Amino acid sequence: MIPSGPATRVFVALEPVDMRKGYDGLYGLVTHQLGEDPRSGHLFVFTNSQCNRLKILYWDGTGLWVCGKRLEKGRFSWPDPQDSERGKVRLSAAALAMLLGGIDLGRAKSKAWLRENE
């Protein structure tokens, strides 16, 4: 699993992407579409139009990692774009774990004290 510490941010791209994209294609999307630095050490998450596949781009300090997951059944519950900023949504590491585990983030609710600390 890709490590994520307290300073690691998770950015989810809201627009579906072509899952044939590799290192360079995803790097370009992070730079130009999301407006972020792919070498920041943050996690960048992408899905396809059916929301049954995803890829994560991560810079570990020496090179890029691309990790992927394909669901055999069902779809990932992608975040709602209403709170988006430039085509992306920022998630906590816990929210990413829930998304990867099949939990619908739209129905999950954080406690008020947790939202104040984010």
C-alpha atoms as a PDB file:
ATOM      1  CA  MET A   1       0.000   0.000   0.000  1.00  0.00           C
ATOM      2  CA  ILE A   2       1.103   3.538  -0.648  1.00  0.00           C
ATOM      3  CA  PRO A   3       2.133   5.270   2.574  1.00  0.00           C
ATOM      4  CA  SER A   4       0.197   8.302   3.706  1.00  0.00           C
ATOM      5  CA  GLY A   5       1.251  10.407   6.648  1.00  0.00           C
ATOM      6  CA  PRO A   6      -0.490  13.335   8.314  1.00  0.00           C
ATOM      7  CA  ALA A   7       0.958  15.772   5.756  1.00  0.00           C
ATOM      8  CA  THR A   8      -0.114  13.671   2.765  1.00  0.00           C
ATOM      9  CA  ARG A   9      -3.110  15.024   0.905  1.00  0.00           C
ATOM     10  CA  VAL A  10      -5.419  12.972  -1.299  1.00  0.00           C
ATOM     11  CA  PHE A  11      -6.814  14.613  -4.427  1.00  0.00           C
ATOM     12  CA  VAL A  12      -9.574  12.877  -6.375  1.00  0.00           C
ATOM     13  CA  ALA A  13     -10.085  13.921 -10.005  1.00  0.00           C
ATOM     14  CA  LEU A  14     -13.802  14.277 -10.665  1.00  0.00           C
ATOM     15  CA  GLU A  15     -13.677  13.853 -14.439  1.00  0.00           C
ATOM     16  CA  PRO A  16     -13.228  10.281 -15.712  1.00  0.00           C
ATOM     17  CA  VAL A  17      -9.978   9.495 -17.501  1.00  0.00           C
ATOM     18  CA  ASP A  18      -8.800   6.955 -20.025  1.00  0.00           C
ATOM     19  CA  MET A  19      -7.379   4.099 -17.956  1.00  0.00           C
ATOM     20  CA  ARG A  20      -4.793   3.415 -20.665  1.00  0.00           C
ATOM     21  CA  LYS A  21      -2.910   6.462 -19.370  1.00  0.00           C
ATOM     22  CA  GLY A  22       0.313   5.643 -17.637  1.00  0.00           C
ATOM     23  CA  TYR A  23       2.917   7.624 -15.743  1.00  0.00           C
ATOM     24  CA  ASP A  24       3.312  10.490 -18.194  1.00  0.00           C
ATOM     25  CA  GLY A  25      -0.386  10.826 -19.034  1.00  0.00           C
ATOM     26  CA  LEU A  26      -1.455  10.939 -15.390  1.00  0.00           C
ATOM     27  CA  TYR A  27       1.441  13.288 -14.564  1.00  0.00           C
ATOM     28  CA  GLY A  28       0.117  15.670 -17.238  1.00  0.00           C
ATOM     29  CA  LEU A  29      -3.424  15.487 -15.853  1.00  0.00           C
ATOM     30  CA  VAL A  30      -2.220  16.332 -12.354  1.00  0.00           C
ATOM     31  CA  THR A  31      -0.220  19.294 -13.643  1.00  0.00           C
ATOM     32  CA  HIS A  32      -2.596  20.771 -16.211  1.00  0.00           C
ATOM     33  CA  GLN A  33      -6.088  19.622 -15.216  1.00  0.00           C
ATOM     34  CA  LEU A  34      -5.814  19.563 -11.417  1.00  0.00           C
ATOM     35  CA  GLY A  35      -3.235  22.339 -11.074  1.00  0.00           C
ATOM     36  CA  GLU A  36      -1.101  20.396  -8.595  1.00  0.00           C
ATOM     37  CA  ASP A  37       2.526  19.292  -8.428  1.00  0.00           C
ATOM     38  CA  PRO A  38       2.742  15.533  -9.108  1.00  0.00           C
ATOM     39  CA  ARG A  39       6.074  15.421  -7.241  1.00  0.00           C
ATOM     40  CA  SER A  40       4.582  16.780  -4.017  1.00  0.00           C
ATOM     41  CA  GLY A  41       4.229  13.375  -2.372  1.00  0.00           C
ATOM     42  CA  HIS A  42       0.446  13.656  -2.347  1.00  0.00           C
ATOM     43  CA  LEU A  43      -1.888  11.003  -3.770  1.00  0.00           C
ATOM     44  CA  PHE A  44      -3.833  11.640  -6.978  1.00  0.00           C
ATOM     45  CA  VAL A  45      -6.790   9.347  -7.660  1.00  0.00           C
ATOM     46  CA  PHE A  46      -8.468   8.838 -11.044  1.00  0.00           C
ATOM     47  CA  THR A  47     -11.361   6.688 -12.288  1.00  0.00           C
ATOM     48  CA  ASN A  48     -12.838   5.659 -15.614  1.00  0.00           C
ATOM     49  CA  SER A  49     -16.313   6.603 -16.873  1.00  0.00           C
ATOM     50  CA  GLN A  50     -17.900   3.412 -15.467  1.00  0.00           C
ATOM     51  CA  CYS A  51     -16.304   4.003 -12.017  1.00  0.00           C
ATOM     52  CA  ASN A  52     -15.211   0.379 -11.860  1.00  0.00           C
ATOM     53  CA  ARG A  53     -11.481   1.041 -12.198  1.00  0.00           C
ATOM     54  CA  LEU A  54      -9.163   3.506 -10.548  1.00  0.00           C
ATOM     55  CA  LYS A  55      -5.539   4.512 -10.573  1.00  0.00           C
ATOM     56  CA  ILE A  56      -3.466   6.336  -7.981  1.00  0.00           C
ATOM     57  CA  LEU A  57      -0.393   8.368  -8.912  1.00  0.00           C
ATOM     58  CA  TYR A  58       2.191   8.882  -6.167  1.00  0.00           C
ATOM     59  CA  TRP A  59       5.730  10.331  -6.032  1.00  0.00           C
ATOM     60  CA  ASP A  60       7.885   8.636  -3.371  1.00  0.00           C
ATOM     61  CA  GLY A  61      10.889  10.955  -3.677  1.00  0.00           C
ATOM     62  CA  THR A  62      12.764   8.869  -6.235  1.00  0.00           C
ATOM     63  CA  GLY A  63      10.112   8.041  -8.797  1.00  0.00           C
ATOM     64  CA  LEU A  64       6.449   7.716  -9.644  1.00  0.00           C
ATOM     65  CA  TRP A  65       4.145   4.918  -8.576  1.00  0.00           C
ATOM     66  CA  VAL A  66       0.968   4.057 -10.436  1.00  0.00           C
ATOM     67  CA  CYS A  67      -1.336   1.675  -8.588  1.00  0.00           C
ATOM     68  CA  GLY A  68      -4.591   0.399 -10.008  1.00  0.00           C
ATOM     69  CA  LYS A  69      -7.699  -1.430  -8.888  1.00  0.00           C
ATOM     70  CA  ARG A  70     -10.430  -3.058 -10.977  1.00  0.00           C
ATOM     71  CA  LEU A  71     -13.708  -4.067  -9.402  1.00  0.00           C
ATOM     72  CA  GLU A  72     -15.185  -7.364 -10.523  1.00  0.00           C
ATOM     73  CA  LYS A  73     -18.697  -6.212  -9.538  1.00  0.00           C
ATOM     74  CA  GLY A  74     -20.182  -2.844  -8.688  1.00  0.00           C
ATOM     75  CA  ARG A  75     -18.823   0.690  -8.902  1.00  0.00           C
ATOM     76  CA  PHE A  76     -16.815   3.057  -6.775  1.00  0.00           C
ATOM     77  CA  SER A  77     -18.947   5.778  -5.181  1.00  0.00           C
ATOM     78  CA  TRP A  78     -17.184   8.837  -6.550  1.00  0.00           C
ATOM     79  CA  PRO A  79     -17.344  12.108  -4.555  1.00  0.00           C
ATOM     80  CA  ASP A  80     -19.969  14.684  -5.389  1.00  0.00           C
ATOM     81  CA  PRO A  81     -18.521  17.503  -7.525  1.00  0.00           C
ATOM     82  CA  GLN A  82     -20.492  20.227  -5.709  1.00  0.00           C
ATOM     83  CA  ASP A  83     -17.586  21.054  -3.387  1.00  0.00           C
ATOM     84  CA  SER A  84     -14.987  20.736  -6.117  1.00  0.00           C
ATOM     85  CA  GLU A  85     -12.134  23.075  -6.775  1.00  0.00           C
ATOM     86  CA  ARG A  86     -10.771  22.986 -10.327  1.00  0.00           C
ATOM     87  CA  GLY A  87     -12.106  19.495 -11.059  1.00  0.00           C
ATOM     88  CA  LYS A  88     -10.825  17.859  -7.908  1.00  0.00           C
ATOM     89  CA  VAL A  89     -11.940  17.046  -4.394  1.00  0.00           C
ATOM     90  CA  ARG A  90      -9.610  16.721  -1.437  1.00  0.00           C
ATOM     91  CA  LEU A  91     -10.161  13.697   0.794  1.00  0.00           C
ATOM     92  CA  SER A  92      -8.640  12.521   4.031  1.00  0.00           C
ATOM     93  CA  ALA A  93      -6.695   9.263   4.101  1.00  0.00           C
ATOM     94  CA  ALA A  94      -9.615   7.730   6.008  1.00  0.00           C
ATOM     95  CA  ALA A  95     -12.083   8.828   3.307  1.00  0.00           C
ATOM     96  CA  LEU A  96      -9.820   7.289   0.639  1.00  0.00           C
ATOM     97  CA  ALA A  97      -9.795   4.008   2.552  1.00  0.00           C
ATOM     98  CA  MET A  98     -13.589   4.100   2.695  1.00  0.00           C
ATOM     99  CA  LEU A  99     -13.832   4.866  -1.037  1.00  0.00           C
ATOM    100  CA  LEU A 100     -11.495   1.951  -1.837  1.00  0.00           C
ATOM    101  CA  GLY A 101     -13.493  -0.292   0.513  1.00  0.00           C
ATOM    102  CA  GLY A 102     -16.788   0.386  -1.262  1.00  0.00           C
ATOM    103  CA  ILE A 103     -18.355   2.820   1.192  1.00  0.00           C
ATOM    104  CA  ASP A 104     -20.556   5.556  -0.295  1.00  0.00           C
ATOM    105  CA  LEU A 105     -18.921   8.817   0.799  1.00  0.00           C
ATOM    106  CA  GLY A 106     -22.111  10.737   0.045  1.00  0.00           C
ATOM    107  CA  ARG A 107     -23.878   8.885   2.828  1.00  0.00           C
ATOM    108  CA  ALA A 108     -20.967   8.891   5.267  1.00  0.00           C
ATOM    109  CA  LYS A 109     -20.927  11.813   7.663  1.00  0.00           C
ATOM    110  CA  SER A 110     -17.993  13.191   9.663  1.00  0.00           C
ATOM    111  CA  LYS A 111     -18.461  14.401  13.202  1.00  0.00           C
ATOM    112  CA  ALA A 112     -18.252  18.181  13.700  1.00  0.00           C
ATOM    113  CA  TRP A 113     -15.080  17.922  15.774  1.00  0.00           C
ATOM    114  CA  LEU A 114     -13.344  16.015  12.969  1.00  0.00           C
ATOM    115  CA  ARG A 115     -14.272  18.562  10.278  1.00  0.00           C
ATOM    116  CA  GLU A 116     -12.772  21.355  12.406  1.00  0.00           C
ATOM    117  CA  ASN A 117      -9.375  19.607  12.408  1.00  0.00           C
ATOM    118  CA  GLU A 118      -9.121  19.089   8.657  1.00  0.00           C
END
